[in-house]
Amino acid sequence: GIHGSMGLLRRDGVLLIRSPFVASAMGKSFKDRPVFTTLLPTQPHGNYTDASSVDGVQRMFSYRTLSAHPDMVVIVGQSYAQVLAPWWRWVRLVLLVWVGSWGGMFGIAYFLARVWRQKQDSEHTLRASEARYRSLYQHAMDAILVTRTDGRVLHANPAACALFDRTE
């Protein structure tokens, strides 16, 4: 991939071929690099991170001594950006979902607060209306009767009680 590299080297560190091709690096010795000084002497394969001495790109490398040709080493590397790209996509997706979830929760909380406030306002309006009606009913000089459809009296205001000489 982009910013990746692959090289075939002799075990003594001489670069035989590299992709992407860099003419000035062909035949050059890399015997002083950690893979040849520290890693290969202890294990025929492994992983390490380093900045490429050819192009300076920080990469994650894997190396392996070829079993058919023990004097040859293949080294393959990918840049950190390339290795971490899927992780960064995942992080962005998780953050997007997280921010969206919080936004949704705030939206729901705002909606519920508005509904609750509207309910409070409606209850206040209803109580005020009931108080006005009760005051009008109680203090009216005219007789007011609340009846059922069959004529039975359910309520009578004080003026109606006085007029009919009854109690409510």
Protein backbone atom coordinates (compact mmCIF):
# COMPACT_ATOMS: atom_id res chain seq x y z
CA GLY A 1 0.00 0.00 0.00
CA ILE A 2 0.87 3.64 0.09
CA HIS A 3 3.96 4.30 2.24
CA GLY A 4 4.59 0.56 2.46
CA SER A 5 7.84 -1.15 1.52
CA MET A 6 9.17 -4.60 0.83
CA GLY A 7 12.76 -5.61 0.49
CA LEU A 8 14.86 -8.68 -0.13
CA LEU A 9 18.21 -8.48 1.63
CA ARG A 10 21.10 -10.80 2.20
CA ARG A 11 21.63 -11.86 5.79
CA ASP A 12 24.70 -9.62 5.91
CA GLY A 13 22.39 -6.59 5.36
CA VAL A 14 22.95 -5.84 1.66
CA LEU A 15 19.74 -4.73 -0.10
CA LEU A 16 19.13 -6.74 -3.30
CA ILE A 17 15.72 -5.37 -4.34
CA ARG A 18 13.13 -3.04 -2.85
CA SER A 19 9.62 -1.94 -3.65
CA PRO A 20 9.08 0.89 -4.19
CA PHE A 21 12.31 0.92 -6.11
CA VAL A 22 14.98 3.40 -4.98
CA ALA A 23 18.06 3.12 -7.19
CA SER A 24 20.43 4.72 -4.68
CA ALA A 25 19.55 2.06 -2.06
CA MET A 26 20.29 -0.99 -4.25
CA GLY A 27 23.42 -2.81 -3.11
CA LYS A 28 23.71 -0.63 -0.02
CA SER A 29 24.48 -2.34 3.31
CA PHE A 30 22.03 -2.00 6.18
CA LYS A 31 23.99 -4.26 8.55
CA ASP A 32 23.95 -1.59 11.29
CA ARG A 33 20.13 -1.57 11.49
CA PRO A 34 18.51 -3.21 14.59
CA VAL A 35 17.01 -6.03 12.55
CA PHE A 36 20.52 -7.26 11.65
CA THR A 37 22.33 -6.35 14.88
CA THR A 38 19.73 -7.44 17.47
CA LEU A 39 16.75 -9.31 16.03
CA LEU A 40 18.03 -11.73 13.35
CA PRO A 41 20.80 -13.14 15.54
CA THR A 42 18.16 -14.28 18.07
CA GLN A 43 15.13 -15.13 15.89
CA PRO A 44 14.70 -15.96 12.19
CA HIS A 45 11.39 -14.04 12.05
CA GLY A 46 9.64 -11.29 14.00
CA ASN A 47 8.28 -7.76 14.08
CA TYR A 48 9.71 -4.38 14.97
CA THR A 49 9.14 -0.67 14.44
CA ASP A 50 11.66 1.72 13.01
CA ALA A 51 12.10 4.64 10.66
CA SER A 52 13.19 3.45 7.24
CA SER A 53 16.80 4.32 6.50
CA VAL A 54 15.88 4.58 2.80
CA ASP A 55 13.01 7.11 2.92
CA GLY A 56 12.67 8.01 6.63
CA VAL A 57 9.04 6.84 6.95
CA GLN A 58 8.17 5.38 10.36
CA ARG A 59 6.92 1.85 9.74
CA MET A 60 5.93 -1.36 11.44
CA PHE A 61 8.08 -4.10 9.92
CA SER A 62 7.94 -7.88 9.78
CA TYR A 63 10.97 -9.89 8.78
CA ARG A 64 11.56 -13.54 7.96
CA THR A 65 14.60 -15.56 6.94
CA LEU A 66 13.67 -17.67 3.92
CA SER A 67 13.72 -21.36 4.84
CA ALA A 68 14.78 -22.37 1.30
CA HIS A 69 17.50 -19.69 1.27
CA PRO A 70 18.70 -19.08 4.86
CA ASP A 71 21.09 -16.39 3.65
CA MET A 72 18.14 -14.23 2.44
CA VAL A 73 15.78 -12.08 4.52
CA VAL A 74 12.46 -10.57 3.45
CA ILE A 75 11.42 -7.41 5.25
CA VAL A 76 7.93 -5.98 4.75
CA GLY A 77 6.75 -2.73 6.30
CA GLN A 78 3.64 -0.58 6.50
CA SER A 79 3.53 3.01 7.65
CA TYR A 80 1.86 3.80 10.95
CA ALA A 81 -0.73 5.87 9.08
CA GLN A 82 -1.63 2.88 6.92
CA VAL A 83 -1.72 0.45 9.84
CA LEU A 84 -3.78 2.78 12.01
CA ALA A 85 -6.18 3.97 9.27
CA PRO A 86 -8.84 1.30 10.01
CA TRP A 87 -8.56 2.05 13.71
CA TRP A 88 -8.99 5.78 13.08
CA ARG A 89 -12.08 5.05 10.92
CA TRP A 90 -13.48 2.99 13.79
CA VAL A 91 -12.70 5.78 16.29
CA ARG A 92 -14.43 8.35 14.08
CA LEU A 93 -17.47 6.07 13.74
CA VAL A 94 -17.63 5.46 17.49
CA LEU A 95 -17.28 9.19 18.18
CA LEU A 96 -19.99 9.97 15.63
CA VAL A 97 -22.34 7.45 17.25
CA TRP A 98 -21.42 8.73 20.71
CA VAL A 99 -21.97 12.39 19.79
CA GLY A 100 -25.19 11.46 17.98
CA SER A 101 -26.42 9.53 21.02
CA TRP A 102 -25.68 12.43 23.34
CA GLY A 103 -27.35 14.80 20.91
CA GLY A 104 -30.38 12.52 20.82
CA MET A 105 -30.50 12.34 24.59
CA PHE A 106 -30.25 16.12 24.89
CA GLY A 107 -32.98 16.44 22.25
CA ILE A 108 -35.24 14.06 24.16
CA ALA A 109 -34.49 15.84 27.44
CA TYR A 110 -35.32 19.20 25.82
CA PHE A 111 -38.55 17.79 24.38
CA LEU A 112 -39.57 16.28 27.73
CA ALA A 113 -38.78 19.54 29.53
CA ARG A 114 -40.98 21.44 27.06
CA VAL A 115 -43.81 18.91 27.45
CA TRP A 116 -43.50 19.05 31.23
CA ARG A 117 -43.55 22.87 31.15
CA GLN A 118 -46.61 22.85 28.87
CA LYS A 119 -48.33 20.44 31.27
CA GLN A 120 -47.48 22.72 34.20
CA ASP A 121 -48.84 25.73 32.29
CA SER A 122 -52.02 23.83 31.35
CA GLU A 123 -52.58 22.73 34.94
CA HIS A 124 -52.06 26.30 36.15
CA THR A 125 -54.53 27.60 33.54
CA LEU A 126 -57.04 24.90 34.48
CA ARG A 127 -56.75 25.72 38.21
CA ALA A 128 -57.25 29.43 37.49
CA SER A 129 -60.26 28.67 35.30
CA GLU A 130 -61.76 26.39 37.98
CA ALA A 131 -61.23 29.10 40.60
CA ARG A 132 -62.98 31.68 38.39
CA TYR A 133 -65.87 29.29 37.72
CA ARG A 134 -66.16 28.38 41.43
CA SER A 135 -66.15 32.06 42.40
CA LEU A 136 -68.79 32.88 39.78
CA TYR A 137 -70.89 29.86 40.86
CA GLN A 138 -70.62 30.63 44.58
CA HIS A 139 -71.19 34.41 44.38
CA ALA A 140 -73.80 34.65 41.63
CA MET A 141 -77.01 36.40 42.68
CA ASP A 142 -78.98 34.15 40.34
CA ALA A 143 -79.85 30.54 41.13
CA ILE A 144 -77.63 28.08 39.29
CA LEU A 145 -78.50 24.39 39.21
CA VAL A 146 -76.35 21.63 37.71
CA THR A 147 -78.63 18.76 36.64
CA ARG A 148 -78.49 15.43 34.91
CA THR A 149 -80.37 14.78 31.69
CA ASP A 150 -83.17 13.15 33.65
CA GLY A 151 -83.67 16.35 35.69
CA ARG A 152 -82.05 15.21 38.92
CA VAL A 153 -80.14 18.09 40.63
CA LEU A 154 -76.47 17.40 41.17
CA HIS A 155 -75.36 20.79 42.53
CA ALA A 156 -76.93 24.06 43.50
CA ASN A 157 -75.22 27.37 44.25
CA PRO A 158 -76.00 29.29 47.48
CA ALA A 159 -78.52 31.53 45.67
CA ALA A 160 -80.44 28.43 44.44
CA CYS A 161 -80.33 26.88 47.92
CA ALA A 162 -81.75 30.08 49.43
CA LEU A 163 -84.43 30.34 46.72
CA PHE A 164 -85.62 26.74 47.19
CA ASP A 165 -84.92 26.68 50.92
CA ARG A 166 -82.61 23.68 50.56
CA THR A 167 -78.99 22.75 51.24
CA GLU A 168 -76.72 21.56 48.53
